[in-house]
Amino acid sequence: MEADADAPAPASPKAVAETAKAPELEGRLLFHAGTGQRAALDEISELFRAKHPKVKVDFSYKGSGYFLADIMASREGDLYMPGEAFYVDQAAERGFVEEYEPEKHTAAYFVTVIATPKGNPKNIKTIEDFARPGVRVGLGDPKACAVGEWHERIFKKAGIFDAVKKNAIQNAQCIPELGNATKLGAIDATIIWTPTAAVYLKDIEIIPMPEGTRAEIPLPVVVLTTSKNKAVAKVLQDFVLSDEGRACFRKHAYVLDRDRVESEVEWLVEAARVAKDPSVPINEETCGHLVEEVRRQRH
């Protein structure tokens, strides 16, 4: 039988030996990340550790507004994934980012939705309702968390920021505070990211925001110049940006493609409906890609 001309040449014994001797990745990494990315990154970390058991990844989760000062003071950290590209730009301007290309290094997107307590007791339908007298509003601190900056932008664009601010009874330092306050009924309305809303499917109502009103925020991940193990940090960065890594983001209601924002938010609304109604079966037809999150909250 003749050899296939298109078949790849067999690896030489030397190449095979060199591959066999390739060192296993090892080391310890410090990953600075916004609290809003925790659900996906915790899962990605488990998958990465299964592939590279000798690599230990420590996460520092906090509001995005705190990171730059921490990095500048400590000069420590290997990877950085804040809640908005603006913070990466700031770090890059100060020489803390190895390489940054927005399209190449964006793993997913945050998209804003309105959230109210279960049953929506104040009948909130649009952002204009946040300015109605008597509506208790939860806002984020713009100096502490990325969503707080977007609260200001969204309400100022609508010309109602001053009225909304008068109704604000919360100035959250991180976005989970807004989710918890909504769940407990301590506030009547807020605006949060889709993955934050996904954590509270059983306990809140989720209202989509139309294009032109909502925010769609890219989430880049970069290697820091302060990294003491840049080669391993780059492997983890590549994994976060891989199809397998990005699938973890989608499972937790992050949006991967801006052209599919409406359909992804519709799935989130449906998932919340199913999570609250035990008579509805949990499957891909009823919950789409959010099956695991709905199942976790129903049981």
C-alpha atoms as a PDB file:
ATOM      1  CA  MET A   1       0.000   0.000   0.000  1.00  0.00           C
ATOM      2  CA  GLU A   2       1.379   3.435  -0.981  1.00  0.00           C
ATOM      3  CA  ALA A   3       1.788   6.096   1.656  1.00  0.00           C
ATOM      4  CA  ASP A   4      -0.783   8.894   1.644  1.00  0.00           C
ATOM      5  CA  ALA A   5       0.956  11.923   0.151  1.00  0.00           C
ATOM      6  CA  ASP A   6      -1.200  14.266   2.241  1.00  0.00           C
ATOM      7  CA  ALA A   7      -0.624  12.466   5.522  1.00  0.00           C
ATOM      8  CA  PRO A   8       1.600  14.288   8.027  1.00  0.00           C
ATOM      9  CA  ALA A   9       5.085  12.919   8.397  1.00  0.00           C
ATOM     10  CA  PRO A  10       5.568  10.815  11.520  1.00  0.00           C
ATOM     11  CA  ALA A  11       7.259  12.613  14.392  1.00  0.00           C
ATOM     12  CA  SER A  12      10.935  11.868  14.759  1.00  0.00           C
ATOM     13  CA  PRO A  13      12.102   9.912  17.811  1.00  0.00           C
ATOM     14  CA  LYS A  14      13.865  13.082  18.986  1.00  0.00           C
ATOM     15  CA  ALA A  15      10.654  15.149  18.741  1.00  0.00           C
ATOM     16  CA  VAL A  16       8.699  12.480  20.591  1.00  0.00           C
ATOM     17  CA  ALA A  17      11.301  12.394  23.333  1.00  0.00           C
ATOM     18  CA  GLU A  18      11.321  16.194  23.650  1.00  0.00           C
ATOM     19  CA  THR A  19       7.515  16.248  23.887  1.00  0.00           C
ATOM     20  CA  ALA A  20       7.588  13.568  26.561  1.00  0.00           C
ATOM     21  CA  LYS A  21      10.084  15.627  28.531  1.00  0.00           C
ATOM     22  CA  ALA A  22       8.037  18.847  28.303  1.00  0.00           C
ATOM     23  CA  PRO A  23       7.839  20.199  31.858  1.00  0.00           C
ATOM     24  CA  GLU A  24       4.489  20.259  33.589  1.00  0.00           C
ATOM     25  CA  LEU A  25       3.192  23.733  34.333  1.00  0.00           C
ATOM     26  CA  GLU A  26       3.588  24.778  37.933  1.00  0.00           C
ATOM     27  CA  GLY A  27       3.527  27.893  40.031  1.00  0.00           C
ATOM     28  CA  ARG A  28       1.186  30.224  41.860  1.00  0.00           C
ATOM     29  CA  LEU A  29      -0.791  33.036  40.270  1.00  0.00           C
ATOM     30  CA  LEU A  30      -2.639  36.031  41.717  1.00  0.00           C
ATOM     31  CA  PHE A  31      -5.678  36.908  39.624  1.00  0.00           C
ATOM     32  CA  HIS A  32      -7.299  40.314  40.265  1.00  0.00           C
ATOM     33  CA  ALA A  33     -10.957  40.163  39.156  1.00  0.00           C
ATOM     34  CA  GLY A  34     -14.202  42.033  39.688  1.00  0.00           C
ATOM     35  CA  THR A  35     -16.779  40.442  41.953  1.00  0.00           C
ATOM     36  CA  GLY A  36     -19.203  40.278  39.036  1.00  0.00           C
ATOM     37  CA  GLN A  37     -16.965  37.728  37.282  1.00  0.00           C
ATOM     38  CA  ARG A  38     -16.722  35.348  40.213  1.00  0.00           C
ATOM     39  CA  ALA A  39     -19.287  32.741  39.134  1.00  0.00           C
ATOM     40  CA  ALA A  40     -17.602  32.068  35.803  1.00  0.00           C
ATOM     41  CA  LEU A  41     -13.997  32.423  36.970  1.00  0.00           C
ATOM     42  CA  ASP A  42     -14.440  30.020  39.889  1.00  0.00           C
ATOM     43  CA  GLU A  43     -15.643  27.380  37.433  1.00  0.00           C
ATOM     44  CA  ILE A  44     -12.875  28.164  34.954  1.00  0.00           C
ATOM     45  CA  SER A  45     -10.356  27.838  37.782  1.00  0.00           C
ATOM     46  CA  GLU A  46     -11.564  24.322  38.571  1.00  0.00           C
ATOM     47  CA  LEU A  47     -11.287  23.270  34.926  1.00  0.00           C
ATOM     48  CA  PHE A  48      -7.833  24.813  34.628  1.00  0.00           C
ATOM     49  CA  ARG A  49      -6.589  23.110  37.767  1.00  0.00           C
ATOM     50  CA  ALA A  50      -7.772  19.742  36.457  1.00  0.00           C
ATOM     51  CA  LYS A  51      -5.539  20.304  33.429  1.00  0.00           C
ATOM     52  CA  HIS A  52      -2.649  21.823  35.384  1.00  0.00           C
ATOM     53  CA  PRO A  53      -2.791  20.464  38.960  1.00  0.00           C
ATOM     54  CA  LYS A  54       0.534  22.032  39.930  1.00  0.00           C
ATOM     55  CA  VAL A  55      -0.704  25.563  39.261  1.00  0.00           C
ATOM     56  CA  LYS A  56      -2.431  27.306  42.164  1.00  0.00           C
ATOM     57  CA  VAL A  57      -4.607  30.306  41.277  1.00  0.00           C
ATOM     58  CA  ASP A  58      -5.492  32.770  44.034  1.00  0.00           C
ATOM     59  CA  PHE A  59      -8.312  35.184  43.191  1.00  0.00           C
ATOM     60  CA  SER A  60      -8.648  38.667  44.595  1.00  0.00           C
ATOM     61  CA  TYR A  61     -12.295  39.622  44.025  1.00  0.00           C
ATOM     62  CA  LYS A  62     -13.457  43.149  44.757  1.00  0.00           C
ATOM     63  CA  GLY A  63     -15.111  46.212  43.255  1.00  0.00           C
ATOM     64  CA  SER A  64     -13.226  47.282  40.124  1.00  0.00           C
ATOM     65  CA  GLY A  65     -12.515  50.775  41.436  1.00  0.00           C
ATOM     66  CA  TYR A  66     -10.138  49.404  44.079  1.00  0.00           C
ATOM     67  CA  PHE A  67      -7.772  47.407  41.880  1.00  0.00           C
ATOM     68  CA  LEU A  68      -5.488  49.977  40.319  1.00  0.00           C
ATOM     69  CA  ALA A  69      -4.496  51.497  43.634  1.00  0.00           C
ATOM     70  CA  ASP A  70      -3.826  48.016  45.029  1.00  0.00           C
ATOM     71  CA  ILE A  71      -1.670  47.013  42.070  1.00  0.00           C
ATOM     72  CA  MET A  72       0.262  50.281  42.143  1.00  0.00           C
ATOM     73  CA  ALA A  73       0.925  49.939  45.870  1.00  0.00           C
ATOM     74  CA  SER A  74       1.743  46.234  46.027  1.00  0.00           C
ATOM     75  CA  ARG A  75       3.298  45.686  42.568  1.00  0.00           C
ATOM     76  CA  GLU A  76       1.804  42.206  42.771  1.00  0.00           C
ATOM     77  CA  GLY A  77      -0.505  40.276  40.494  1.00  0.00           C
ATOM     78  CA  ASP A  78      -0.406  38.088  37.405  1.00  0.00           C
ATOM     79  CA  LEU A  79      -3.753  38.560  35.684  1.00  0.00           C
ATOM     80  CA  TYR A  80      -6.355  41.301  35.700  1.00  0.00           C
ATOM     81  CA  MET A  81     -10.044  41.151  34.740  1.00  0.00           C
ATOM     82  CA  PRO A  82     -11.974  44.146  36.080  1.00  0.00           C
ATOM     83  CA  GLY A  83     -15.638  44.843  35.424  1.00  0.00           C
ATOM     84  CA  GLU A  84     -15.005  47.187  32.507  1.00  0.00           C
ATOM     85  CA  ALA A  85     -12.373  47.816  29.830  1.00  0.00           C
ATOM     86  CA  PHE A  86     -11.917  51.356  31.194  1.00  0.00           C
ATOM     87  CA  TYR A  87      -9.957  49.945  34.140  1.00  0.00           C
ATOM     88  CA  VAL A  88      -7.697  47.937  31.837  1.00  0.00           C
ATOM     89  CA  ASP A  89      -7.029  51.109  29.847  1.00  0.00           C
ATOM     90  CA  GLN A  90      -6.042  52.879  33.067  1.00  0.00           C
ATOM     91  CA  ALA A  91      -3.665  50.067  34.023  1.00  0.00           C
ATOM     92  CA  ALA A  92      -2.185  49.969  30.517  1.00  0.00           C
ATOM     93  CA  GLU A  93      -1.530  53.732  30.565  1.00  0.00           C
ATOM     94  CA  ARG A  94       0.475  53.246  33.746  1.00  0.00           C
ATOM     95  CA  GLY A  95       2.546  50.403  32.299  1.00  0.00           C
ATOM     96  CA  PHE A  96       0.959  47.509  34.172  1.00  0.00           C
ATOM     97  CA  VAL A  97      -0.391  45.546  31.179  1.00  0.00           C
ATOM     98  CA  GLU A  98       1.738  43.232  29.050  1.00  0.00           C
ATOM     99  CA  GLU A  99      -0.470  43.280  25.939  1.00  0.00           C
ATOM    100  CA  TYR A 100      -4.000  44.473  25.294  1.00  0.00           C
ATOM    101  CA  GLU A 101      -6.055  44.205  22.125  1.00  0.00           C
ATOM    102  CA  PRO A 102      -9.752  44.776  22.961  1.00  0.00           C
ATOM    103  CA  GLU A 103     -11.243  42.282  20.494  1.00  0.00           C
ATOM    104  CA  LYS A 104      -8.607  39.625  21.070  1.00  0.00           C
ATOM    105  CA  HIS A 105      -8.667  39.794  24.850  1.00  0.00           C
ATOM    106  CA  THR A 106     -12.417  40.190  25.547  1.00  0.00           C
ATOM    107  CA  ALA A 107     -13.903  37.024  27.054  1.00  0.00           C
ATOM    108  CA  ALA A 108     -17.547  38.100  27.397  1.00  0.00           C
ATOM    109  CA  TYR A 109     -19.867  41.051  27.997  1.00  0.00           C
ATOM    110  CA  PHE A 110     -21.854  42.382  30.901  1.00  0.00           C
ATOM    111  CA  VAL A 111     -25.353  43.526  29.906  1.00  0.00           C
ATOM    112  CA  THR A 112     -27.558  45.569  32.215  1.00  0.00           C
ATOM    113  CA  VAL A 113     -31.085  44.566  33.248  1.00  0.00           C
ATOM    114  CA  ILE A 114     -33.563  46.049  35.691  1.00  0.00           C
ATOM    115  CA  ALA A 115     -34.077  43.996  38.837  1.00  0.00           C
ATOM    116  CA  THR A 116     -36.921  44.261  41.347  1.00  0.00           C
ATOM    117  CA  PRO A 117     -38.009  42.144  44.327  1.00  0.00           C
ATOM    118  CA  LYS A 118     -40.104  39.081  43.551  1.00  0.00           C
ATOM    119  CA  GLY A 119     -43.536  40.121  42.309  1.00  0.00           C
ATOM    120  CA  ASN A 120     -42.307  43.610  41.341  1.00  0.00           C
ATOM    121  CA  PRO A 121     -44.419  45.349  44.031  1.00  0.00           C
ATOM    122  CA  LYS A 122     -43.811  48.878  42.671  1.00  0.00           C
ATOM    123  CA  ASN A 123     -44.642  47.817  39.081  1.00  0.00           C
ATOM    124  CA  ILE A 124     -41.299  48.939  37.665  1.00  0.00           C
ATOM    125  CA  LYS A 125     -41.211  48.645  33.869  1.00  0.00           C
ATOM    126  CA  THR A 126     -38.690  51.187  32.586  1.00  0.00           C
ATOM    127  CA  ILE A 127     -35.821  53.263  33.943  1.00  0.00           C
ATOM    128  CA  GLU A 128     -38.158  56.267  34.099  1.00  0.00           C
ATOM    129  CA  ASP A 129     -39.994  54.492  36.923  1.00  0.00           C
ATOM    130  CA  PHE A 130     -36.855  54.849  39.070  1.00  0.00           C
ATOM    131  CA  ALA A 131     -37.648  58.565  39.318  1.00  0.00           C
ATOM    132  CA  ARG A 132     -41.195  58.100  40.640  1.00  0.00           C
ATOM    133  CA  PRO A 133     -41.776  59.376  44.175  1.00  0.00           C
ATOM    134  CA  GLY A 134     -41.643  56.620  46.763  1.00  0.00           C
ATOM    135  CA  VAL A 135     -39.514  54.162  44.757  1.00  0.00           C
ATOM    136  CA  ARG A 136     -36.543  52.987  46.824  1.00  0.00           C
ATOM    137  CA  VAL A 137     -33.588  52.752  44.460  1.00  0.00           C
ATOM    138  CA  GLY A 138     -30.311  50.897  44.855  1.00  0.00           C
ATOM    139  CA  LEU A 139     -27.272  52.485  43.192  1.00  0.00           C
ATOM    140  CA  GLY A 140     -23.631  51.470  43.057  1.00  0.00           C
ATOM    141  CA  ASP A 141     -20.833  53.722  44.234  1.00  0.00           C
ATOM    142  CA  PRO A 142     -19.176  54.898  40.981  1.00  0.00           C
ATOM    143  CA  LYS A 143     -15.812  55.130  42.740  1.00  0.00           C
ATOM    144  CA  ALA A 144     -15.991  51.519  43.894  1.00  0.00           C
ATOM    145  CA  CYS A 145     -17.759  49.386  41.300  1.00  0.00           C
ATOM    146  CA  ALA A 146     -18.173  49.474  37.538  1.00  0.00           C
ATOM    147  CA  VAL A 147     -21.960  49.209  37.631  1.00  0.00           C
ATOM    148  CA  GLY A 148     -22.112  52.413  39.683  1.00  0.00           C
ATOM    149  CA  GLU A 149     -20.512  54.360  36.850  1.00  0.00           C
ATOM    150  CA  TRP A 150     -23.062  52.961  34.458  1.00  0.00           C
ATOM    151  CA  HIS A 151     -25.932  53.880  36.749  1.00  0.00           C
ATOM    152  CA  GLU A 152     -24.862  57.510  36.447  1.00  0.00           C
ATOM    153  CA  ARG A 153     -24.428  57.287  32.681  1.00  0.00           C
ATOM    154  CA  ILE A 154     -27.769  55.584  32.076  1.00  0.00           C
ATOM    155  CA  PHE A 155     -29.830  57.933  34.239  1.00  0.00           C
ATOM    156  CA  LYS A 156     -28.012  61.069  33.084  1.00  0.00           C
ATOM    157  CA  LYS A 157     -28.591  60.091  29.466  1.00  0.00           C
ATOM    158  CA  ALA A 158     -32.306  59.767  30.267  1.00  0.00           C
ATOM    159  CA  GLY A 159     -32.270  63.169  32.029  1.00  0.00           C
ATOM    160  CA  ILE A 160     -33.506  61.752  35.344  1.00  0.00           C
ATOM    161  CA  PHE A 161     -30.351  61.290  37.393  1.00  0.00           C
ATOM    162  CA  ASP A 162     -31.145  63.946  40.002  1.00  0.00           C
ATOM    163  CA  ALA A 163     -34.621  62.533  40.618  1.00  0.00           C
ATOM    164  CA  VAL A 164     -33.269  58.976  40.819  1.00  0.00           C
ATOM    165  CA  LYS A 165     -30.524  60.024  43.200  1.00  0.00           C
ATOM    166  CA  LYS A 166     -33.135  61.500  45.548  1.00  0.00           C
ATOM    167  CA  ASN A 167     -34.780  58.067  45.635  1.00  0.00           C
ATOM    168  CA  ALA A 168     -31.518  56.211  46.254  1.00  0.00           C
ATOM    169  CA  ILE A 169     -31.288  54.561  49.654  1.00  0.00           C
ATOM    170  CA  GLN A 170     -28.251  52.408  48.870  1.00  0.00           C
ATOM    171  CA  ASN A 171     -24.740  53.257  47.681  1.00  0.00           C
ATOM    172  CA  ALA A 172     -23.296  49.787  47.130  1.00  0.00           C
ATOM    173  CA  GLN A 173     -19.570  49.080  47.125  1.00  0.00           C
ATOM    174  CA  CYS A 174     -19.977  45.998  44.931  1.00  0.00           C
ATOM    175  CA  ILE A 175     -22.736  44.575  42.784  1.00  0.00           C
ATOM    176  CA  PRO A 176     -23.665  41.581  45.007  1.00  0.00           C
ATOM    177  CA  GLU A 177     -24.858  44.115  47.591  1.00  0.00           C
ATOM    178  CA  LEU A 178     -27.461  45.296  45.075  1.00  0.00           C
ATOM    179  CA  GLY A 179     -28.553  41.731  44.335  1.00  0.00           C
ATOM    180  CA  ASN A 180     -28.953  40.909  48.010  1.00  0.00           C
ATOM    181  CA  ALA A 181     -30.885  44.111  48.720  1.00  0.00           C
ATOM    182  CA  THR A 182     -33.263  43.300  45.854  1.00  0.00           C
ATOM    183  CA  LYS A 183     -33.757  39.732  47.049  1.00  0.00           C
ATOM    184  CA  LEU A 184     -34.554  40.916  50.577  1.00  0.00           C
ATOM    185  CA  GLY A 185     -36.928  43.660  49.402  1.00  0.00           C
ATOM    186  CA  ALA A 186     -34.770  46.367  50.956  1.00  0.00           C
ATOM    187  CA  ILE A 187     -34.964  48.276  47.660  1.00  0.00           C
ATOM    188  CA  ASP A 188     -37.672  48.445  44.998  1.00  0.00           C
ATOM    189  CA  ALA A 189     -35.468  48.626  41.919  1.00  0.00           C
ATOM    190  CA  THR A 190     -31.891  48.596  40.709  1.00  0.00           C
ATOM    191  CA  ILE A 191     -29.877  47.919  37.582  1.00  0.00           C
ATOM    192  CA  ILE A 192     -27.466  44.974  37.641  1.00  0.00           C
ATOM    193  CA  TRP A 193     -25.499  42.803  35.233  1.00  0.00           C
ATOM    194  CA  THR A 194     -27.102  39.688  33.731  1.00  0.00           C
ATOM    195  CA  PRO A 195     -24.786  37.241  35.599  1.00  0.00           C
ATOM    196  CA  THR A 196     -25.636  38.918  38.896  1.00  0.00           C
ATOM    197  CA  ALA A 197     -29.331  38.588  38.105  1.00  0.00           C
ATOM    198  CA  ALA A 198     -28.783  34.893  37.321  1.00  0.00           C
ATOM    199  CA  VAL A 199     -27.728  34.240  40.927  1.00  0.00           C
ATOM    200  CA  TYR A 200     -31.151  35.378  42.187  1.00  0.00           C
ATOM    201  CA  LEU A 201     -33.542  33.779  39.663  1.00  0.00           C
ATOM    202  CA  LYS A 202     -35.984  32.539  42.328  1.00  0.00           C
ATOM    203  CA  ASP A 203     -36.067  35.748  44.319  1.00  0.00           C
ATOM    204  CA  ILE A 204     -36.212  38.680  41.900  1.00  0.00           C
ATOM    205  CA  GLU A 205     -37.918  39.868  38.741  1.00  0.00           C
ATOM    206  CA  ILE A 206     -35.764  40.611  35.699  1.00  0.00           C
ATOM    207  CA  ILE A 207     -36.821  43.285  33.208  1.00  0.00           C
ATOM    208  CA  PRO A 208     -34.911  43.675  29.918  1.00  0.00           C
ATOM    209  CA  MET A 209     -33.647  47.100  28.930  1.00  0.00           C
ATOM    210  CA  PRO A 210     -33.977  48.244  25.296  1.00  0.00           C
ATOM    211  CA  GLU A 211     -31.062  48.998  23.031  1.00  0.00           C
ATOM    212  CA  GLY A 212     -29.942  52.585  23.532  1.00  0.00           C
ATOM    213  CA  THR A 213     -30.780  52.396  27.217  1.00  0.00           C
ATOM    214  CA  ARG A 214     -28.882  49.325  28.365  1.00  0.00           C
ATOM    215  CA  ALA A 215     -25.116  49.003  28.745  1.00  0.00           C
ATOM    216  CA  GLU A 216     -23.088  46.291  27.010  1.00  0.00           C
ATOM    217  CA  ILE A 217     -19.701  46.134  28.688  1.00  0.00           C
ATOM    218  CA  PRO A 218     -16.703  44.166  27.333  1.00  0.00           C
ATOM    219  CA  LEU A 219     -14.760  42.140  29.885  1.00  0.00           C
ATOM    220  CA  PRO A 220     -11.102  41.831  28.879  1.00  0.00           C
ATOM    221  CA  VAL A 221      -8.531  39.688  30.668  1.00  0.00           C
ATOM    222  CA  VAL A 222      -4.864  40.685  30.542  1.00  0.00           C
ATOM    223  CA  VAL A 223      -1.486  39.600  31.915  1.00  0.00           C
ATOM    224  CA  LEU A 224       0.139  42.142  34.224  1.00  0.00           C
ATOM    225  CA  THR A 225       3.732  43.319  33.940  1.00  0.00           C
ATOM    226  CA  THR A 226       4.055  42.617  37.677  1.00  0.00           C
ATOM    227  CA  SER A 227       3.637  38.883  37.022  1.00  0.00           C
ATOM    228  CA  LYS A 228       6.472  36.712  38.315  1.00  0.00           C
ATOM    229  CA  ASN A 229       5.375  33.818  36.110  1.00  0.00           C
ATOM    230  CA  LYS A 230       4.258  35.350  32.826  1.00  0.00           C
ATOM    231  CA  ALA A 231       4.441  32.106  30.832  1.00  0.00           C
ATOM    232  CA  VAL A 232       1.959  30.342  33.113  1.00  0.00           C
ATOM    233  CA  ALA A 233      -0.184  33.468  33.390  1.00  0.00           C
ATOM    234  CA  LYS A 234      -0.420  33.554  29.583  1.00  0.00           C
ATOM    235  CA  VAL A 235      -1.596  29.919  29.529  1.00  0.00           C
ATOM    236  CA  LEU A 236      -4.386  30.780  31.972  1.00  0.00           C
ATOM    237  CA  GLN A 237      -5.301  33.903  29.995  1.00  0.00           C
ATOM    238  CA  ASP A 238      -5.557  31.800  26.825  1.00  0.00           C
ATOM    239  CA  PHE A 239      -7.768  29.294  28.631  1.00  0.00           C
ATOM    240  CA  VAL A 240     -10.133  32.017  29.871  1.00  0.00           C
ATOM    241  CA  LEU A 241     -10.416  33.223  26.266  1.00  0.00           C
ATOM    242  CA  SER A 242     -10.827  29.745  24.767  1.00  0.00           C
ATOM    243  CA  ASP A 243     -14.147  28.249  23.661  1.00  0.00           C
ATOM    244  CA  GLU A 244     -14.143  26.101  26.811  1.00  0.00           C
ATOM    245  CA  GLY A 245     -13.522  29.089  29.052  1.00  0.00           C
ATOM    246  CA  ARG A 246     -16.063  31.312  27.342  1.00  0.00           C
ATOM    247  CA  ALA A 247     -18.680  28.544  27.609  1.00  0.00           C
ATOM    248  CA  CYS A 248     -18.395  28.916  31.395  1.00  0.00           C
ATOM    249  CA  PHE A 249     -19.279  32.587  31.077  1.00  0.00           C
ATOM    250  CA  ARG A 250     -22.360  31.822  28.986  1.00  0.00           C
ATOM    251  CA  LYS A 251     -23.570  29.221  31.505  1.00  0.00           C
ATOM    252  CA  HIS A 252     -23.710  32.020  34.064  1.00  0.00           C
ATOM    253  CA  ALA A 253     -25.617  34.468  31.828  1.00  0.00           C
ATOM    254  CA  TYR A 254     -22.760  36.548  30.473  1.00  0.00           C
ATOM    255  CA  VAL A 255     -23.237  37.466  26.817  1.00  0.00           C
ATOM    256  CA  LEU A 256     -20.622  36.269  24.322  1.00  0.00           C
ATOM    257  CA  ASP A 257     -21.891  38.018  21.205  1.00  0.00           C
ATOM    258  CA  ARG A 258     -23.333  41.530  21.128  1.00  0.00           C
ATOM    259  CA  ASP A 259     -25.519  40.547  18.182  1.00  0.00           C
ATOM    260  CA  ARG A 260     -27.380  38.121  20.458  1.00  0.00           C
ATOM    261  CA  VAL A 261     -28.067  40.350  23.462  1.00  0.00           C
ATOM    262  CA  GLU A 262     -31.866  40.311  23.155  1.00  0.00           C
ATOM    263  CA  SER A 263     -32.149  36.543  22.821  1.00  0.00           C
ATOM    264  CA  GLU A 264     -29.718  35.906  25.677  1.00  0.00           C
ATOM    265  CA  VAL A 265     -31.633  38.243  27.992  1.00  0.00           C
ATOM    266  CA  GLU A 266     -34.899  36.562  26.981  1.00  0.00           C
ATOM    267  CA  TRP A 267     -33.415  33.233  28.090  1.00  0.00           C
ATOM    268  CA  LEU A 268     -32.515  34.818  31.414  1.00  0.00           C
ATOM    269  CA  VAL A 269     -36.086  36.034  31.920  1.00  0.00           C
ATOM    270  CA  GLU A 270     -37.405  32.571  31.037  1.00  0.00           C
ATOM    271  CA  ALA A 271     -34.946  30.929  33.411  1.00  0.00           C
ATOM    272  CA  ALA A 272     -36.226  33.139  36.247  1.00  0.00           C
ATOM    273  CA  ARG A 273     -39.797  32.114  35.428  1.00  0.00           C
ATOM    274  CA  VAL A 274     -38.918  28.417  35.475  1.00  0.00           C
ATOM    275  CA  ALA A 275     -36.887  28.744  38.689  1.00  0.00           C
ATOM    276  CA  LYS A 276     -39.980  30.130  40.443  1.00  0.00           C
ATOM    277  CA  ASP A 277     -42.464  27.581  39.036  1.00  0.00           C
ATOM    278  CA  PRO A 278     -41.879  23.965  40.140  1.00  0.00           C
ATOM    279  CA  SER A 279     -44.511  22.751  37.672  1.00  0.00           C
ATOM    280  CA  VAL A 280     -42.317  23.654  34.687  1.00  0.00           C
ATOM    281  CA  PRO A 281     -39.700  21.039  33.697  1.00  0.00           C
ATOM    282  CA  ILE A 282     -36.049  22.055  33.715  1.00  0.00           C
ATOM    283  CA  ASN A 283     -34.509  21.368  30.337  1.00  0.00           C
ATOM    284  CA  GLU A 284     -32.905  23.163  27.395  1.00  0.00           C
ATOM    285  CA  GLU A 285     -36.296  23.879  25.868  1.00  0.00           C
ATOM    286  CA  THR A 286     -37.425  25.832  28.937  1.00  0.00           C
ATOM    287  CA  CYS A 287     -34.118  27.241  30.202  1.00  0.00           C
ATOM    288  CA  GLY A 288     -31.726  27.170  27.272  1.00  0.00           C
ATOM    289  CA  HIS A 289     -28.077  27.410  28.358  1.00  0.00           C
ATOM    290  CA  LEU A 290     -29.061  28.253  31.968  1.00  0.00           C
ATOM    291  CA  VAL A 291     -30.271  24.749  32.860  1.00  0.00           C
ATOM    292  CA  GLU A 292     -27.621  24.156  35.527  1.00  0.00           C
ATOM    293  CA  GLU A 293     -28.278  27.451  37.296  1.00  0.00           C
ATOM    294  CA  VAL A 294     -32.045  26.883  37.326  1.00  0.00           C
ATOM    295  CA  ARG A 295     -31.602  23.346  38.632  1.00  0.00           C
ATOM    296  CA  ARG A 296     -29.256  24.555  41.380  1.00  0.00           C
ATOM    297  CA  GLN A 297     -31.764  27.156  42.565  1.00  0.00           C
ATOM    298  CA  ARG A 298     -34.834  24.957  42.329  1.00  0.00           C
ATOM    299  CA  HIS A 299     -33.223  22.227  44.398  1.00  0.00           C
END
